[in-house]
Amino acid sequence: MTLDPKPYHLYMVALTFFNLLIFATPFLVIYAQPVGTLLFTGFSYTCHQLASRSYCFYSADGGIGNCPYLYTRAPELNSEKGPAYEFPVCARDIAIYLGAWISGIAVYFTKWKDAKHTPNPIFFILALIPIAIDGGTQLIGLRESTNELRMLTGMIAGLAFSFYFVPMLNAILLRNEPPRQPAPKEEPEEARIKKRKSRNRK
């Protein structure tokens, strides 16, 4: 038996590993600080990591909640409830990556898993409108969003992402693959018997 990984499988393995690292980082900061701190630093290249827009793990009660409202970034923060261990990406990014992973599972059951063309772009544009409004109005100072809204808008965008990224990945990585030929139709048993009888007569 030979393994024949498709772009979809590579995508899901990478995305699963990426999500696991996000959720593991606070615990690694607690139990394996050098590794956890290194991961937190690594994720700084993908996210602003502002505590005021992120979630933290609170070791005192084992819960997850909003980080202390600070315009800073650090793997460990002080709070009224004791040490707070910040997730390495903000609330919106957590939702985007998690949404992409969920939609990646959904893609498996659709034609888009092997497709080389994407769905109509209008659906992806619609999925980005909530995140554009929420993030845009915050960026220009009209209002301050909440982590709940960041999660919601990020999840909507993430749920659409895989349906577009997987076909694009197929188009790039499988561009030289010859088109699949349809499997030949199996001849009915009665027709095969008639042919054998015809050959025997000859």
Protein backbone atom coordinates (compact mmCIF):
# COMPACT_ATOMS: atom_id res chain seq x y z
CA MET A 1 0.00 0.00 0.00
CA THR A 2 1.47 3.36 -1.06
CA LEU A 3 0.64 6.69 0.47
CA ASP A 4 -0.54 9.32 -1.99
CA PRO A 5 -1.09 12.49 0.04
CA LYS A 6 -3.10 15.18 -1.71
CA PRO A 7 -2.76 18.93 -1.17
CA TYR A 8 -5.89 18.71 1.00
CA HIS A 9 -4.21 16.26 3.39
CA LEU A 10 -1.05 18.39 3.62
CA TYR A 11 -3.18 21.45 4.29
CA MET A 12 -5.15 19.79 7.09
CA VAL A 13 -2.03 18.35 8.75
CA ALA A 14 -0.34 21.77 8.74
CA LEU A 15 -3.48 23.57 9.94
CA THR A 16 -4.11 21.02 12.71
CA PHE A 17 -0.51 21.33 13.91
CA PHE A 18 -0.73 25.14 13.81
CA ASN A 19 -3.95 25.17 15.88
CA LEU A 20 -2.49 22.73 18.40
CA LEU A 21 0.54 24.97 18.88
CA ILE A 22 -1.72 27.98 19.53
CA PHE A 23 -3.67 26.21 22.27
CA ALA A 24 -0.59 24.51 23.72
CA THR A 25 1.52 27.66 24.10
CA PRO A 26 0.09 28.95 27.43
CA PHE A 27 0.51 25.51 29.00
CA LEU A 28 4.03 25.20 27.65
CA VAL A 29 4.83 28.59 29.18
CA ILE A 30 3.74 27.14 32.54
CA TYR A 31 5.36 23.71 32.32
CA ALA A 32 8.17 24.19 29.78
CA GLN A 33 8.86 27.91 29.86
CA PRO A 34 11.74 28.12 27.34
CA VAL A 35 9.69 26.24 24.72
CA GLY A 36 6.51 28.19 25.42
CA THR A 37 8.28 31.55 25.33
CA LEU A 38 9.96 30.61 22.06
CA LEU A 39 6.61 29.70 20.54
CA PHE A 40 5.04 32.92 21.78
CA THR A 41 7.85 34.89 20.16
CA GLY A 42 7.46 32.92 16.93
CA PHE A 43 3.76 33.74 16.70
CA SER A 44 4.58 37.45 17.01
CA TYR A 45 5.37 37.33 13.27
CA THR A 46 1.74 36.44 12.55
CA CYS A 47 -0.15 38.63 15.06
CA HIS A 48 0.08 41.89 17.05
CA GLN A 49 -0.51 39.88 20.29
CA LEU A 50 -1.98 42.84 22.20
CA ALA A 51 -3.25 41.59 25.54
CA SER A 52 -6.26 43.92 25.35
CA ARG A 53 -7.50 41.98 22.29
CA SER A 54 -6.53 38.49 23.38
CA TYR A 55 -7.61 35.62 25.60
CA CYS A 56 -5.62 34.28 28.53
CA PHE A 57 -5.50 31.05 30.48
CA TYR A 58 -5.86 31.69 34.22
CA SER A 59 -4.04 29.00 36.17
CA ALA A 60 -5.71 29.95 39.48
CA ASP A 61 -9.13 28.68 38.39
CA GLY A 62 -8.20 26.81 35.20
CA GLY A 63 -10.42 29.09 33.12
CA ILE A 64 -10.02 31.01 29.90
CA GLY A 65 -11.11 34.64 29.66
CA ASN A 66 -10.16 38.10 28.47
CA CYS A 67 -6.60 39.07 29.24
CA PRO A 68 -5.97 42.12 31.45
CA TYR A 69 -6.79 45.23 29.42
CA LEU A 70 -3.19 46.20 28.64
CA TYR A 71 -1.60 47.49 25.45
CA THR A 72 1.28 45.12 25.86
CA ARG A 73 2.23 41.60 24.87
CA ALA A 74 3.83 38.95 27.05
CA PRO A 75 3.45 35.20 27.55
CA GLU A 76 2.70 35.80 31.25
CA LEU A 77 0.75 38.74 32.67
CA ASN A 78 -0.28 39.79 36.17
CA SER A 79 -3.99 40.07 36.90
CA GLU A 80 -6.35 40.35 39.84
CA LYS A 81 -6.92 36.59 39.54
CA GLY A 82 -3.21 35.79 39.58
CA PRO A 83 -0.94 34.82 36.68
CA ALA A 84 -2.57 35.08 33.24
CA TYR A 85 -0.98 33.19 30.36
CA GLU A 86 -1.73 34.85 27.04
CA PHE A 87 -2.53 32.82 23.95
CA PRO A 88 0.04 33.62 21.26
CA VAL A 89 -2.48 35.12 18.80
CA CYS A 90 -5.38 37.50 19.37
CA ALA A 91 -9.02 36.49 19.74
CA ARG A 92 -9.81 37.23 16.09
CA ASP A 93 -6.89 35.14 14.81
CA ILE A 94 -7.80 32.21 17.06
CA ALA A 95 -11.29 32.23 15.49
CA ILE A 96 -9.91 32.50 11.94
CA TYR A 97 -7.56 29.53 12.35
CA LEU A 98 -10.12 27.46 14.22
CA GLY A 99 -12.82 28.31 11.65
CA ALA A 100 -10.48 27.35 8.82
CA TRP A 101 -9.83 24.00 10.51
CA ILE A 102 -13.57 23.33 10.92
CA SER A 103 -14.29 24.28 7.31
CA GLY A 104 -11.34 22.13 6.25
CA ILE A 105 -13.12 19.12 7.71
CA ALA A 106 -16.30 20.18 5.88
CA VAL A 107 -14.41 20.49 2.57
CA TYR A 108 -13.58 16.77 2.73
CA PHE A 109 -17.24 15.95 2.08
CA THR A 110 -17.57 18.29 -0.92
CA LYS A 111 -16.30 18.48 -4.49
CA TRP A 112 -13.92 21.29 -3.48
CA LYS A 113 -11.50 18.79 -1.92
CA ASP A 114 -10.21 17.83 -5.38
CA ALA A 115 -11.32 20.89 -7.37
CA LYS A 116 -8.86 23.25 -9.04
CA HIS A 117 -11.29 26.15 -9.28
CA THR A 118 -12.78 28.09 -6.38
CA PRO A 119 -16.42 28.82 -5.58
CA ASN A 120 -17.86 32.16 -6.66
CA PRO A 121 -15.64 34.85 -5.03
CA ILE A 122 -18.72 36.81 -3.95
CA PHE A 123 -19.28 34.38 -1.07
CA PHE A 124 -15.77 34.96 0.29
CA ILE A 125 -16.21 38.73 -0.05
CA LEU A 126 -19.46 38.49 1.92
CA ALA A 127 -17.67 36.47 4.62
CA LEU A 128 -15.04 39.22 4.93
CA ILE A 129 -17.51 42.09 5.29
CA PRO A 130 -18.18 41.58 9.05
CA ILE A 131 -14.46 41.44 9.85
CA ALA A 132 -13.84 44.52 7.68
CA ILE A 133 -16.55 46.53 9.44
CA ASP A 134 -15.55 45.43 12.94
CA GLY A 135 -11.81 45.82 12.42
CA GLY A 136 -12.10 48.91 10.22
CA THR A 137 -14.24 50.96 12.59
CA GLN A 138 -11.90 50.01 15.43
CA LEU A 139 -8.81 50.93 13.39
CA ILE A 140 -10.04 54.46 12.64
CA GLY A 141 -11.08 55.00 16.25
CA LEU A 142 -14.86 55.07 15.92
CA ARG A 143 -15.31 52.34 18.50
CA GLU A 144 -13.55 49.58 20.40
CA SER A 145 -14.56 46.04 19.58
CA THR A 146 -14.88 43.16 22.03
CA ASN A 147 -13.27 39.76 22.00
CA GLU A 148 -16.68 38.19 21.46
CA LEU A 149 -17.20 40.24 18.28
CA ARG A 150 -13.64 39.54 17.16
CA MET A 151 -14.27 35.84 17.59
CA LEU A 152 -17.57 35.97 15.71
CA THR A 153 -16.25 37.93 12.72
CA GLY A 154 -13.05 35.90 12.61
CA MET A 155 -15.00 32.63 12.69
CA ILE A 156 -17.17 33.71 9.73
CA ALA A 157 -14.07 34.48 7.66
CA GLY A 158 -12.33 31.30 8.76
CA LEU A 159 -15.30 29.09 7.88
CA ALA A 160 -15.15 30.37 4.30
CA PHE A 161 -11.38 30.21 3.96
CA SER A 162 -10.77 26.51 3.30
CA PHE A 163 -13.35 26.32 0.51
CA TYR A 164 -11.18 28.77 -1.45
CA PHE A 165 -7.68 27.90 -0.28
CA VAL A 166 -7.87 24.14 -0.91
CA PRO A 167 -8.85 24.51 -4.60
CA MET A 168 -6.11 27.14 -5.07
CA LEU A 169 -3.62 24.75 -3.47
CA ASN A 170 -4.78 22.00 -5.83
CA ALA A 171 -4.35 24.30 -8.82
CA ILE A 172 -0.77 25.14 -7.79
CA LEU A 173 0.49 21.73 -6.66
CA LEU A 174 -1.40 19.60 -9.18
CA ARG A 175 -1.07 21.84 -12.24
CA ASN A 176 1.05 19.26 -14.12
CA GLU A 177 -1.08 16.29 -13.14
CA PRO A 178 -2.83 14.75 -16.18
CA PRO A 179 -6.63 14.84 -16.04
CA ARG A 180 -8.19 11.72 -14.64
CA GLN A 181 -9.72 9.38 -17.17
CA PRO A 182 -13.16 8.05 -16.31
CA ALA A 183 -13.13 4.43 -15.25
CA PRO A 184 -14.25 2.08 -18.03
CA LYS A 185 -17.78 0.83 -17.63
CA GLU A 186 -17.95 -2.78 -16.64
CA GLU A 187 -19.65 -4.98 -19.19
CA PRO A 188 -22.81 -6.71 -17.96
CA GLU A 189 -22.38 -10.39 -17.12
CA GLU A 190 -24.88 -11.44 -19.81
CA ALA A 191 -22.91 -9.65 -22.53
CA ARG A 192 -19.67 -11.34 -21.44
CA ILE A 193 -21.34 -14.75 -21.57
CA LYS A 194 -22.67 -14.06 -25.08
CA LYS A 195 -19.19 -13.03 -26.26
CA ARG A 196 -17.61 -16.20 -24.85
CA LYS A 197 -20.26 -18.36 -26.55
CA SER A 198 -19.66 -16.48 -29.82
CA ARG A 199 -15.90 -17.11 -29.62
CA ASN A 200 -16.42 -20.80 -28.80
CA ARG A 201 -18.60 -21.24 -31.88
CA LYS A 202 -15.85 -19.86 -34.04
